[in-house]
């Protein structure tokens, strides 16, 4: 855990959040500034700055993030109607928190390009 990282502190329970899913490796919670009716952030409990910083040894954890997204979509009832999963990476990619996270968006038609 990075002591100054917002998402590490949320995953540790130091900052309140609305939990959607959690296990030993992954934590998911509702975004406080949702961009869709369903907007869930899925993070690894291990601190990784961004997708650009993952290493080969993080491959299994990345798989668990994606499998968690599927599980959450089923749990929340939008797996059949569809959803978008997005990693924003770096400043130009729109990443605003320095802890890798997967956005899971659903609950309305999501258009392309996202903008």
PDB file of N, CA and C in Angstrom:
ATOM      1  N   UNK A   1       0.847  -1.187   0.000  1.00  0.00           N
ATOM      2  CA  UNK A   1       0.000   0.000   0.000  1.00  0.00           C
ATOM      3  C   UNK A   1       0.886   1.240   0.000  1.00  0.00           C
ATOM      4  N   UNK A   2       0.553   2.178  -0.860  1.00  0.00           N
ATOM      5  CA  UNK A   2       1.216   3.480  -0.853  1.00  0.00           C
ATOM      6  C   UNK A   2       0.404   4.382   0.081  1.00  0.00           C
ATOM      7  N   UNK A   3       1.006   4.824   1.164  1.00  0.00           N
ATOM      8  CA  UNK A   3       0.273   5.541   2.204  1.00  0.00           C
ATOM      9  C   UNK A   3      -0.375   6.839   1.736  1.00  0.00           C
ATOM     10  N   UNK A   4       0.153   7.443   0.680  1.00  0.00           N
ATOM     11  CA  UNK A   4      -0.425   8.688   0.186  1.00  0.00           C
ATOM     12  C   UNK A   4      -1.353   8.474  -1.005  1.00  0.00           C
ATOM     13  N   UNK A   5      -1.642   7.230  -1.357  1.00  0.00           N
ATOM     14  CA  UNK A   5      -2.485   6.925  -2.515  1.00  0.00           C
ATOM     15  C   UNK A   5      -3.954   6.838  -2.111  1.00  0.00           C
ATOM     16  N   UNK A   6      -4.782   7.643  -2.748  1.00  0.00           N
ATOM     17  CA  UNK A   6      -6.216   7.669  -2.456  1.00  0.00           C
ATOM     18  C   UNK A   6      -6.834   6.283  -2.575  1.00  0.00           C
ATOM     19  N   UNK A   7      -6.567   5.581  -3.678  1.00  0.00           N
ATOM     20  CA  UNK A   7      -7.215   4.286  -3.886  1.00  0.00           C
ATOM     21  C   UNK A   7      -6.669   3.212  -2.953  1.00  0.00           C
ATOM     22  N   UNK A   8      -5.399   3.268  -2.590  1.00  0.00           N
ATOM     23  CA  UNK A   8      -4.871   2.337  -1.588  1.00  0.00           C
ATOM     24  C   UNK A   8      -5.590   2.546  -0.262  1.00  0.00           C
ATOM     25  N   UNK A   9      -5.820   3.793   0.093  1.00  0.00           N
ATOM     26  CA  UNK A   9      -6.498   4.110   1.350  1.00  0.00           C
ATOM     27  C   UNK A   9      -7.965   3.685   1.317  1.00  0.00           C
ATOM     28  N   UNK A  10      -8.605   3.817   0.147  1.00  0.00           N
ATOM     29  CA  UNK A  10      -9.988   3.340   0.005  1.00  0.00           C
ATOM     30  C   UNK A  10     -10.026   1.822   0.157  1.00  0.00           C
ATOM     31  N   UNK A  11      -9.138   1.113  -0.536  1.00  0.00           N
ATOM     32  CA  UNK A  11      -9.114  -0.355  -0.462  1.00  0.00           C
ATOM     33  C   UNK A  11      -8.824  -0.846   0.948  1.00  0.00           C
ATOM     34  N   UNK A  12      -8.038  -0.098   1.698  1.00  0.00           N
ATOM     35  CA  UNK A  12      -7.707  -0.474   3.078  1.00  0.00           C
ATOM     36  C   UNK A  12      -8.835  -0.141   4.055  1.00  0.00           C
ATOM     37  N   UNK A  13      -9.838   0.600   3.606  1.00  0.00           N
ATOM     38  CA  UNK A  13     -10.944   0.977   4.473  1.00  0.00           C
ATOM     39  C   UNK A  13     -10.701   2.251   5.260  1.00  0.00           C
ATOM     40  N   UNK A  14      -9.607   2.942   4.968  1.00  0.00           N
ATOM     41  CA  UNK A  14      -9.303   4.196   5.662  1.00  0.00           C
ATOM     42  C   UNK A  14     -10.181   5.348   5.191  1.00  0.00           C
ATOM     43  N   UNK A  15     -10.671   5.251   3.954  1.00  0.00           N
ATOM     44  CA  UNK A  15     -11.580   6.246   3.380  1.00  0.00           C
ATOM     45  C   UNK A  15     -12.846   5.503   2.985  1.00  0.00           C
ATOM     46  N   UNK A  16     -14.010   5.984   3.401  1.00  0.00           N
ATOM     47  CA  UNK A  16     -15.257   5.278   3.091  1.00  0.00           C
ATOM     48  C   UNK A  16     -15.524   5.197   1.584  1.00  0.00           C
ATOM     49  N   UNK A  17     -16.120   4.090   1.181  1.00  0.00           N
ATOM     50  CA  UNK A  17     -16.556   3.894  -0.195  1.00  0.00           C
ATOM     51  C   UNK A  17     -17.743   2.945  -0.182  1.00  0.00           C
ATOM     52  N   UNK A  18     -18.440   2.880  -1.296  1.00  0.00           N
ATOM     53  CA  UNK A  18     -19.542   1.938  -1.431  1.00  0.00           C
ATOM     54  C   UNK A  18     -19.009   0.702  -2.141  1.00  0.00           C
ATOM     55  N   UNK A  19     -18.746  -0.323  -1.363  1.00  0.00           N
ATOM     56  CA  UNK A  19     -18.159  -1.551  -1.874  1.00  0.00           C
ATOM     57  C   UNK A  19     -19.131  -2.288  -2.786  1.00  0.00           C
ATOM     58  N   UNK A  20     -18.607  -2.758  -3.912  1.00  0.00           N
ATOM     59  CA  UNK A  20     -19.367  -3.586  -4.832  1.00  0.00           C
ATOM     60  C   UNK A  20     -18.829  -5.013  -4.820  1.00  0.00           C
ATOM     61  N   UNK A  21     -17.516  -5.140  -4.696  1.00  0.00           N
ATOM     62  CA  UNK A  21     -16.877  -6.456  -4.702  1.00  0.00           C
ATOM     63  C   UNK A  21     -15.505  -6.323  -4.051  1.00  0.00           C
ATOM     64  N   UNK A  22     -15.047  -7.388  -3.432  1.00  0.00           N
ATOM     65  CA  UNK A  22     -13.703  -7.392  -2.891  1.00  0.00           C
ATOM     66  C   UNK A  22     -13.225  -8.801  -2.644  1.00  0.00           C
ATOM     67  N   UNK A  23     -11.948  -9.029  -2.880  1.00  0.00           N
ATOM     68  CA  UNK A  23     -11.286 -10.268  -2.510  1.00  0.00           C
ATOM     69  C   UNK A  23      -9.855  -9.919  -2.114  1.00  0.00           C
ATOM     70  N   UNK A  24      -8.989 -10.894  -2.014  1.00  0.00           N
ATOM     71  CA  UNK A  24      -7.618 -10.636  -1.561  1.00  0.00           C
ATOM     72  C   UNK A  24      -6.816  -9.756  -2.515  1.00  0.00           C
ATOM     73  N   UNK A  25      -7.171  -9.776  -3.808  1.00  0.00           N
ATOM     74  CA  UNK A  25      -6.376  -9.083  -4.830  1.00  0.00           C
ATOM     75  C   UNK A  25      -7.050  -7.873  -5.447  1.00  0.00           C
ATOM     76  N   UNK A  26      -8.371  -7.815  -5.382  1.00  0.00           N
ATOM     77  CA  UNK A  26      -9.153  -6.821  -6.129  1.00  0.00           C
ATOM     78  C   UNK A  26     -10.164  -6.169  -5.195  1.00  0.00           C
ATOM     79  N   UNK A  27     -10.404  -4.888  -5.414  1.00  0.00           N
ATOM     80  CA  UNK A  27     -11.448  -4.172  -4.687  1.00  0.00           C
ATOM     81  C   UNK A  27     -12.223  -3.340  -5.699  1.00  0.00           C
ATOM     82  N   UNK A  28     -13.542  -3.351  -5.604  1.00  0.00           N
ATOM     83  CA  UNK A  28     -14.396  -2.583  -6.514  1.00  0.00           C
ATOM     84  C   UNK A  28     -15.379  -1.744  -5.707  1.00  0.00           C
ATOM     85  N   UNK A  29     -15.564  -0.516  -6.168  1.00  0.00           N
ATOM     86  CA  UNK A  29     -16.446   0.416  -5.467  1.00  0.00           C
ATOM     87  C   UNK A  29     -17.086   1.380  -6.455  1.00  0.00           C
ATOM     88  N   UNK A  30     -18.174   1.993  -6.036  1.00  0.00           N
ATOM     89  CA  UNK A  30     -18.906   2.926  -6.898  1.00  0.00           C
ATOM     90  C   UNK A  30     -18.145   4.250  -7.002  1.00  0.00           C
ATOM     91  N   UNK A  31     -18.061   4.762  -8.229  1.00  0.00           N
ATOM     92  CA  UNK A  31     -17.413   6.053  -8.464  1.00  0.00           C
ATOM     93  C   UNK A  31     -18.279   7.149  -7.865  1.00  0.00           C
ATOM     94  N   UNK A  32     -17.664   8.098  -7.169  1.00  0.00           N
ATOM     95  CA  UNK A  32     -18.418   9.197  -6.557  1.00  0.00           C
ATOM     96  C   UNK A  32     -18.799  10.278  -7.548  1.00  0.00           C
ATOM     97  N   UNK A  33     -18.241  10.214  -8.759  1.00  0.00           N
ATOM     98  CA  UNK A  33     -18.572  11.157  -9.822  1.00  0.00           C
ATOM     99  C   UNK A  33     -18.900  10.351 -11.081  1.00  0.00           C
ATOM    100  N   UNK A  34     -20.034   9.647 -11.081  1.00  0.00           N
ATOM    101  CA  UNK A  34     -20.320   8.689 -12.156  1.00  0.00           C
ATOM    102  C   UNK A  34     -20.534   9.336 -13.520  1.00  0.00           C
ATOM    103  N   UNK A  35     -20.004   8.655 -14.541  1.00  0.00           N
ATOM    104  CA  UNK A  35     -20.178   9.080 -15.927  1.00  0.00           C
ATOM    105  C   UNK A  35     -21.286   8.284 -16.615  1.00  0.00           C
ATOM    106  N   UNK A  36     -21.917   7.374 -15.889  1.00  0.00           N
ATOM    107  CA  UNK A  36     -23.026   6.559 -16.392  1.00  0.00           C
ATOM    108  C   UNK A  36     -23.844   6.136 -15.174  1.00  0.00           C
ATOM    109  N   UNK A  37     -25.081   5.673 -15.382  1.00  0.00           N
ATOM    110  CA  UNK A  37     -25.882   5.236 -14.232  1.00  0.00           C
ATOM    111  C   UNK A  37     -25.185   4.186 -13.361  1.00  0.00           C
ATOM    112  N   UNK A  38     -24.431   3.309 -13.980  1.00  0.00           N
ATOM    113  CA  UNK A  38     -23.590   2.356 -13.260  1.00  0.00           C
ATOM    114  C   UNK A  38     -22.145   2.716 -13.583  1.00  0.00           C
ATOM    115  N   UNK A  39     -21.376   3.123 -12.601  1.00  0.00           N
ATOM    116  CA  UNK A  39     -19.960   3.458 -12.799  1.00  0.00           C
ATOM    117  C   UNK A  39     -19.205   2.918 -11.596  1.00  0.00           C
ATOM    118  N   UNK A  40     -18.498   1.834 -11.836  1.00  0.00           N
ATOM    119  CA  UNK A  40     -17.788   1.124 -10.784  1.00  0.00           C
ATOM    120  C   UNK A  40     -16.300   1.136 -11.107  1.00  0.00           C
ATOM    121  N   UNK A  41     -15.476   1.390 -10.115  1.00  0.00           N
ATOM    122  CA  UNK A  41     -14.026   1.359 -10.275  1.00  0.00           C
ATOM    123  C   UNK A  41     -13.505   0.054  -9.689  1.00  0.00           C
ATOM    124  N   UNK A  42     -12.686  -0.643 -10.456  1.00  0.00           N
ATOM    125  CA  UNK A  42     -12.102  -1.910 -10.025  1.00  0.00           C
ATOM    126  C   UNK A  42     -10.596  -1.704  -9.958  1.00  0.00           C
ATOM    127  N   UNK A  43     -10.032  -1.949  -8.787  1.00  0.00           N
ATOM    128  CA  UNK A  43      -8.608  -1.674  -8.578  1.00  0.00           C
ATOM    129  C   UNK A  43      -7.897  -2.911  -8.032  1.00  0.00           C
ATOM    130  N   UNK A  44      -6.612  -3.040  -8.344  1.00  0.00           N
ATOM    131  CA  UNK A  44      -5.830  -4.065  -7.646  1.00  0.00           C
ATOM    132  C   UNK A  44      -5.496  -3.544  -6.251  1.00  0.00           C
ATOM    133  N   UNK A  45      -5.458  -4.424  -5.283  1.00  0.00           N
ATOM    134  CA  UNK A  45      -5.042  -4.006  -3.937  1.00  0.00           C
ATOM    135  C   UNK A  45      -3.563  -3.651  -3.928  1.00  0.00           C
ATOM    136  N   UNK A  46      -2.795  -4.264  -4.822  1.00  0.00           N
ATOM    137  CA  UNK A  46      -1.377  -3.926  -4.974  1.00  0.00           C
ATOM    138  C   UNK A  46      -1.296  -2.560  -5.659  1.00  0.00           C
ATOM    139  N   UNK A  47      -0.465  -1.691  -5.138  1.00  0.00           N
ATOM    140  CA  UNK A  47      -0.328  -0.380  -5.762  1.00  0.00           C
ATOM    141  C   UNK A  47       0.484  -0.489  -7.055  1.00  0.00           C
ATOM    142  N   UNK A  48      -0.148  -0.108  -8.145  1.00  0.00           N
ATOM    143  CA  UNK A  48       0.498   0.020  -9.452  1.00  0.00           C
ATOM    144  C   UNK A  48       0.050   1.362  -9.992  1.00  0.00           C
ATOM    145  N   UNK A  49       0.970   2.201 -10.397  1.00  0.00           N
ATOM    146  CA  UNK A  49       0.663   3.563 -10.822  1.00  0.00           C
ATOM    147  C   UNK A  49      -0.338   3.606 -11.984  1.00  0.00           C
ATOM    148  N   UNK A  50      -0.065   2.840 -13.041  1.00  0.00           N
ATOM    149  CA  UNK A  50      -0.948   2.852 -14.209  1.00  0.00           C
ATOM    150  C   UNK A  50      -0.734   1.577 -15.008  1.00  0.00           C
ATOM    151  N   UNK A  51      -1.545   1.391 -16.006  1.00  0.00           N
ATOM    152  CA  UNK A  51      -1.401   0.231 -16.887  1.00  0.00           C
ATOM    153  C   UNK A  51      -0.030   0.229 -17.551  1.00  0.00           C
ATOM    154  N   UNK A  52       0.556   1.389 -17.753  1.00  0.00           N
ATOM    155  CA  UNK A  52       1.888   1.497 -18.351  1.00  0.00           C
ATOM    156  C   UNK A  52       2.977   0.962 -17.431  1.00  0.00           C
ATOM    157  N   UNK A  53       2.654   0.704 -16.172  1.00  0.00           N
ATOM    158  CA  UNK A  53       3.641   0.257 -15.195  1.00  0.00           C
ATOM    159  C   UNK A  53       3.512  -1.214 -14.816  1.00  0.00           C
ATOM    160  N   UNK A  54       2.606  -1.958 -15.447  1.00  0.00           N
ATOM    161  CA  UNK A  54       2.471  -3.370 -15.094  1.00  0.00           C
ATOM    162  C   UNK A  54       3.677  -4.153 -15.598  1.00  0.00           C
ATOM    163  N   UNK A  55       3.958  -5.227 -14.901  1.00  0.00           N
ATOM    164  CA  UNK A  55       5.071  -6.110 -15.236  1.00  0.00           C
ATOM    165  C   UNK A  55       4.517  -7.494 -15.556  1.00  0.00           C
ATOM    166  N   UNK A  56       5.350  -8.359 -16.089  1.00  0.00           N
ATOM    167  CA  UNK A  56       4.944  -9.724 -16.421  1.00  0.00           C
ATOM    168  C   UNK A  56       4.332 -10.413 -15.203  1.00  0.00           C
ATOM    169  N   UNK A  57       4.897 -10.186 -14.031  1.00  0.00           N
ATOM    170  CA  UNK A  57       4.384 -10.849 -12.828  1.00  0.00           C
ATOM    171  C   UNK A  57       2.997 -10.348 -12.423  1.00  0.00           C
ATOM    172  N   UNK A  58       2.498  -9.290 -13.057  1.00  0.00           N
ATOM    173  CA  UNK A  58       1.164  -8.771 -12.772  1.00  0.00           C
ATOM    174  C   UNK A  58       0.094  -9.379 -13.674  1.00  0.00           C
ATOM    175  N   UNK A  59       0.468 -10.293 -14.562  1.00  0.00           N
ATOM    176  CA  UNK A  59      -0.478 -10.846 -15.544  1.00  0.00           C
ATOM    177  C   UNK A  59      -1.686 -11.510 -14.873  1.00  0.00           C
ATOM    178  N   UNK A  60      -1.458 -12.311 -13.852  1.00  0.00           N
ATOM    179  CA  UNK A  60      -2.571 -12.987 -13.187  1.00  0.00           C
ATOM    180  C   UNK A  60      -3.505 -11.967 -12.530  1.00  0.00           C
ATOM    181  N   UNK A  61      -2.936 -10.931 -11.926  1.00  0.00           N
ATOM    182  CA  UNK A  61      -3.756  -9.899 -11.299  1.00  0.00           C
ATOM    183  C   UNK A  61      -4.602  -9.172 -12.343  1.00  0.00           C
ATOM    184  N   UNK A  62      -4.036  -8.899 -13.522  1.00  0.00           N
ATOM    185  CA  UNK A  62      -4.811  -8.253 -14.587  1.00  0.00           C
ATOM    186  C   UNK A  62      -5.979  -9.136 -15.001  1.00  0.00           C
ATOM    187  N   UNK A  63      -5.727 -10.434 -15.097  1.00  0.00           N
ATOM    188  CA  UNK A  63      -6.809 -11.365 -15.402  1.00  0.00           C
ATOM    189  C   UNK A  63      -7.895 -11.326 -14.348  1.00  0.00           C
ATOM    190  N   UNK A  64      -7.505 -11.241 -13.080  1.00  0.00           N
ATOM    191  CA  UNK A  64      -8.490 -11.164 -12.002  1.00  0.00           C
ATOM    192  C   UNK A  64      -9.304  -9.875 -12.068  1.00  0.00           C
ATOM    193  N   UNK A  65      -8.671  -8.765 -12.479  1.00  0.00           N
ATOM    194  CA  UNK A  65      -9.434  -7.524 -12.654  1.00  0.00           C
ATOM    195  C   UNK A  65     -10.526  -7.709 -13.698  1.00  0.00           C
ATOM    196  N   UNK A  66     -10.160  -8.313 -14.827  1.00  0.00           N
ATOM    197  CA  UNK A  66     -11.135  -8.502 -15.903  1.00  0.00           C
ATOM    198  C   UNK A  66     -12.223  -9.501 -15.526  1.00  0.00           C
ATOM    199  N   UNK A  67     -11.853 -10.578 -14.859  1.00  0.00           N
ATOM    200  CA  UNK A  67     -12.857 -11.539 -14.397  1.00  0.00           C
ATOM    201  C   UNK A  67     -13.772 -10.915 -13.349  1.00  0.00           C
ATOM    202  N   UNK A  68     -13.228 -10.028 -12.542  1.00  0.00           N
ATOM    203  CA  UNK A  68     -14.053  -9.311 -11.565  1.00  0.00           C
ATOM    204  C   UNK A  68     -15.061  -8.422 -12.272  1.00  0.00           C
ATOM    205  N   UNK A  69     -14.654  -7.790 -13.370  1.00  0.00           N
ATOM    206  CA  UNK A  69     -15.575  -6.952 -14.138  1.00  0.00           C
ATOM    207  C   UNK A  69     -16.758  -7.783 -14.632  1.00  0.00           C
ATOM    208  N   UNK A  70     -16.473  -8.971 -15.154  1.00  0.00           N
ATOM    209  CA  UNK A  70     -17.560  -9.855 -15.616  1.00  0.00           C
ATOM    210  C   UNK A  70     -18.460 -10.239 -14.448  1.00  0.00           C
ATOM    211  N   UNK A  71     -17.862 -10.621 -13.333  1.00  0.00           N
ATOM    212  CA  UNK A  71     -18.638 -11.025 -12.157  1.00  0.00           C
ATOM    213  C   UNK A  71     -19.522  -9.874 -11.671  1.00  0.00           C
ATOM    214  N   UNK A  72     -18.967  -8.689 -11.614  1.00  0.00           N
ATOM    215  CA  UNK A  72     -19.731  -7.523 -11.157  1.00  0.00           C
ATOM    216  C   UNK A  72     -20.866  -7.210 -12.124  1.00  0.00           C
ATOM    217  N   UNK A  73     -20.598  -7.283 -13.429  1.00  0.00           N
ATOM    218  CA  UNK A  73     -21.647  -7.038 -14.425  1.00  0.00           C
ATOM    219  C   UNK A  73     -22.810  -8.014 -14.237  1.00  0.00           C
ATOM    220  N   UNK A  74     -22.503  -9.263 -13.958  1.00  0.00           N
ATOM    221  CA  UNK A  74     -23.563 -10.242 -13.688  1.00  0.00           C
ATOM    222  C   UNK A  74     -24.285  -9.919 -12.388  1.00  0.00           C
ATOM    223  N   UNK A  75     -23.521  -9.632 -11.344  1.00  0.00           N
ATOM    224  CA  UNK A  75     -24.076  -9.329 -10.022  1.00  0.00           C
ATOM    225  C   UNK A  75     -24.996  -8.110 -10.067  1.00  0.00           C
ATOM    226  N   UNK A  76     -24.589  -7.083 -10.828  1.00  0.00           N
ATOM    227  CA  UNK A  76     -25.343  -5.831 -10.884  1.00  0.00           C
ATOM    228  C   UNK A  76     -26.457  -5.851 -11.945  1.00  0.00           C
ATOM    229  N   UNK A  77     -26.515  -6.917 -12.750  1.00  0.00           N
ATOM    230  CA  UNK A  77     -27.623  -7.089 -13.685  1.00  0.00           C
ATOM    231  C   UNK A  77     -27.466  -6.432 -15.041  1.00  0.00           C
ATOM    232  N   UNK A  78     -26.245  -6.073 -15.441  1.00  0.00           N
ATOM    233  CA  UNK A  78     -26.085  -5.465 -16.759  1.00  0.00           C
ATOM    234  C   UNK A  78     -25.184  -6.269 -17.700  1.00  0.00           C
ATOM    235  N   UNK A  79     -24.870  -7.492 -17.333  1.00  0.00           N
ATOM    236  CA  UNK A  79     -24.005  -8.316 -18.195  1.00  0.00           C
ATOM    237  C   UNK A  79     -24.663  -8.585 -19.547  1.00  0.00           C
ATOM    238  N   UNK A  80     -25.946  -8.809 -19.550  1.00  0.00           N
ATOM    239  CA  UNK A  80     -26.640  -9.146 -20.797  1.00  0.00           C
ATOM    240  C   UNK A  80     -26.906  -7.923 -21.674  1.00  0.00           C
ATOM    241  N   UNK A  81     -27.134  -6.766 -21.083  1.00  0.00           N
ATOM    242  CA  UNK A  81     -27.436  -5.573 -21.879  1.00  0.00           C
ATOM    243  C   UNK A  81     -26.184  -4.866 -22.358  1.00  0.00           C
ATOM    244  N   UNK A  82     -25.065  -5.084 -21.679  1.00  0.00           N
ATOM    245  CA  UNK A  82     -23.794  -4.533 -22.130  1.00  0.00           C
ATOM    246  C   UNK A  82     -23.188  -3.526 -21.182  1.00  0.00           C
ATOM    247  N   UNK A  83     -21.884  -3.370 -21.349  1.00  0.00           N
ATOM    248  CA  UNK A  83     -21.132  -2.453 -20.504  1.00  0.00           C
ATOM    249  C   UNK A  83     -19.842  -2.090 -21.213  1.00  0.00           C
ATOM    250  N   UNK A  84     -19.175  -1.087 -20.700  1.00  0.00           N
ATOM    251  CA  UNK A  84     -17.865  -0.670 -21.219  1.00  0.00           C
ATOM    252  C   UNK A  84     -16.856  -0.792 -20.086  1.00  0.00           C
ATOM    253  N   UNK A  85     -15.679  -1.292 -20.418  1.00  0.00           N
ATOM    254  CA  UNK A  85     -14.582  -1.363 -19.453  1.00  0.00           C
ATOM    255  C   UNK A  85     -13.406  -0.591 -20.032  1.00  0.00           C
ATOM    256  N   UNK A  86     -12.848   0.326 -19.222  1.00  0.00           N
ATOM    257  CA  UNK A  86     -11.842   1.263 -19.716  1.00  0.00           C
ATOM    258  C   UNK A  86     -10.724   1.441 -18.692  1.00  0.00           C
ATOM    259  N   UNK A  87      -9.481   1.379 -19.170  1.00  0.00           N
ATOM    260  CA  UNK A  87      -8.324   1.802 -18.386  1.00  0.00           C
ATOM    261  C   UNK A  87      -7.882   3.151 -18.956  1.00  0.00           C
ATOM    262  N   UNK A  88      -7.952   4.215 -18.188  1.00  0.00           N
ATOM    263  CA  UNK A  88      -7.348   5.486 -18.579  1.00  0.00           C
ATOM    264  C   UNK A  88      -5.905   5.432 -18.088  1.00  0.00           C
ATOM    265  N   UNK A  89      -4.968   5.750 -18.970  1.00  0.00           N
ATOM    266  CA  UNK A  89      -3.557   5.601 -18.628  1.00  0.00           C
ATOM    267  C   UNK A  89      -2.809   6.894 -18.892  1.00  0.00           C
ATOM    268  N   UNK A  90      -2.235   7.469 -17.843  1.00  0.00           N
ATOM    269  CA  UNK A  90      -1.459   8.691 -17.971  1.00  0.00           C
ATOM    270  C   UNK A  90      -2.328   9.917 -18.168  1.00  0.00           C
ATOM    271  N   UNK A  91      -1.692  11.065 -18.132  1.00  0.00           N
ATOM    272  CA  UNK A  91      -2.394  12.352 -18.226  1.00  0.00           C
ATOM    273  C   UNK A  91      -3.178  12.464 -19.530  1.00  0.00           C
ATOM    274  N   UNK A  92      -2.544  12.180 -20.652  1.00  0.00           N
ATOM    275  CA  UNK A  92      -3.237  12.302 -21.935  1.00  0.00           C
ATOM    276  C   UNK A  92      -4.346  11.270 -22.099  1.00  0.00           C
ATOM    277  N   UNK A  93      -4.247  10.167 -21.378  1.00  0.00           N
ATOM    278  CA  UNK A  93      -5.288   9.142 -21.410  1.00  0.00           C
ATOM    279  C   UNK A  93      -6.442   9.432 -20.473  1.00  0.00           C
ATOM    280  N   UNK A  94      -6.336  10.507 -19.695  1.00  0.00           N
ATOM    281  CA  UNK A  94      -7.416  10.896 -18.797  1.00  0.00           C
ATOM    282  C   UNK A  94      -7.331  10.320 -17.398  1.00  0.00           C
ATOM    283  N   UNK A  95      -6.195   9.717 -17.035  1.00  0.00           N
ATOM    284  CA  UNK A  95      -6.053   9.160 -15.686  1.00  0.00           C
ATOM    285  C   UNK A  95      -5.882  10.298 -14.691  1.00  0.00           C
ATOM    286  N   UNK A  96      -6.734  10.311 -13.654  1.00  0.00           N
ATOM    287  CA  UNK A  96      -6.685  11.392 -12.670  1.00  0.00           C
ATOM    288  C   UNK A  96      -6.238  10.924 -11.286  1.00  0.00           C
ATOM    289  N   UNK A  97      -6.202   9.619 -11.050  1.00  0.00           N
ATOM    290  CA  UNK A  97      -5.712   9.067  -9.788  1.00  0.00           C
ATOM    291  C   UNK A  97      -4.551   8.144 -10.112  1.00  0.00           C
ATOM    292  N   UNK A  98      -3.447   8.317  -9.412  1.00  0.00           N
ATOM    293  CA  UNK A  98      -2.238   7.544  -9.681  1.00  0.00           C
ATOM    294  C   UNK A  98      -2.252   6.151  -9.091  1.00  0.00           C
ATOM    295  N   UNK A  99      -3.276   5.400  -9.401  1.00  0.00           N
ATOM    296  CA  UNK A  99      -3.386   3.978  -9.029  1.00  0.00           C
ATOM    297  C   UNK A  99      -4.195   3.349 -10.152  1.00  0.00           C
ATOM    298  N   UNK A 100      -3.634   2.357 -10.808  1.00  0.00           N
ATOM    299  CA  UNK A 100      -4.320   1.728 -11.935  1.00  0.00           C
ATOM    300  C   UNK A 100      -5.736   1.323 -11.532  1.00  0.00           C
ATOM    301  N   UNK A 101      -6.696   1.620 -12.404  1.00  0.00           N
ATOM    302  CA  UNK A 101      -8.073   1.241 -12.135  1.00  0.00           C
ATOM    303  C   UNK A 101      -8.831   1.032 -13.434  1.00  0.00           C
ATOM    304  N   UNK A 102      -9.778   0.124 -13.367  1.00  0.00           N
ATOM    305  CA  UNK A 102     -10.636  -0.212 -14.491  1.00  0.00           C
ATOM    306  C   UNK A 102     -12.002   0.402 -14.231  1.00  0.00           C
ATOM    307  N   UNK A 103     -12.455   1.228 -15.164  1.00  0.00           N
ATOM    308  CA  UNK A 103     -13.804   1.794 -15.085  1.00  0.00           C
ATOM    309  C   UNK A 103     -14.764   0.786 -15.700  1.00  0.00           C
ATOM    310  N   UNK A 104     -15.843   0.492 -15.005  1.00  0.00           N
ATOM    311  CA  UNK A 104     -16.907  -0.362 -15.516  1.00  0.00           C
ATOM    312  C   UNK A 104     -18.145   0.513 -15.596  1.00  0.00           C
ATOM    313  N   UNK A 105     -18.604   0.763 -16.828  1.00  0.00           N
ATOM    314  CA  UNK A 105     -19.708   1.689 -17.074  1.00  0.00           C
ATOM    315  C   UNK A 105     -20.871   0.966 -17.728  1.00  0.00           C
ATOM    316  N   UNK A 106     -22.092   1.265 -17.278  1.00  0.00           N
ATOM    317  CA  UNK A 106     -23.282   0.626 -17.839  1.00  0.00           C
ATOM    318  C   UNK A 106     -24.520   1.406 -17.426  1.00  0.00           C
ATOM    319  N   UNK A 107     -25.663   0.922 -17.878  1.00  0.00           N
ATOM    320  CA  UNK A 107     -26.935   1.508 -17.463  1.00  0.00           C
ATOM    321  C   UNK A 107     -27.541   2.447 -18.483  1.00  0.00           C
ATOM    322  N   UNK A 108     -26.855   2.659 -19.604  1.00  0.00           N
ATOM    323  CA  UNK A 108     -27.379   3.454 -20.721  1.00  0.00           C
ATOM    324  C   UNK A 108     -26.570   3.086 -21.952  1.00  0.00           C
ATOM    325  N   UNK A 109     -27.051   3.506 -23.122  1.00  0.00           N
ATOM    326  CA  UNK A 109     -26.289   3.277 -24.346  1.00  0.00           C
ATOM    327  C   UNK A 109     -25.029   4.132 -24.288  1.00  0.00           C
ATOM    328  N   UNK A 110     -23.893   3.498 -24.494  1.00  0.00           N
ATOM    329  CA  UNK A 110     -22.601   4.193 -24.475  1.00  0.00           C
ATOM    330  C   UNK A 110     -22.130   4.354 -25.905  1.00  0.00           C
ATOM    331  N   UNK A 111     -21.950   5.577 -26.336  1.00  0.00           N
ATOM    332  CA  UNK A 111     -21.642   5.870 -27.722  1.00  0.00           C
ATOM    333  C   UNK A 111     -20.138   5.921 -27.963  1.00  0.00           C
ATOM    334  N   UNK A 112     -19.757   5.845 -29.235  1.00  0.00           N
ATOM    335  CA  UNK A 112     -18.359   5.876 -29.634  1.00  0.00           C
ATOM    336  C   UNK A 112     -18.190   6.941 -30.688  1.00  0.00           C
ATOM    337  N   UNK A 113     -17.158   7.707 -30.713  1.00  0.00           N
ATOM    338  CA  UNK A 113     -16.033   7.686 -29.784  1.00  0.00           C
ATOM    339  C   UNK A 113     -16.406   8.320 -28.452  1.00  0.00           C
ATOM    340  N   UNK A 114     -15.683   7.940 -27.388  1.00  0.00           N
ATOM    341  CA  UNK A 114     -16.036   8.412 -26.054  1.00  0.00           C
ATOM    342  C   UNK A 114     -15.697   9.893 -25.829  1.00  0.00           C
ATOM    343  N   UNK A 115     -14.670  10.452 -26.488  1.00  0.00           N
ATOM    344  CA  UNK A 115     -14.397  11.874 -26.384  1.00  0.00           C
ATOM    345  C   UNK A 115     -13.575  12.340 -25.250  1.00  0.00           C
TER     346      UNK A 115
END
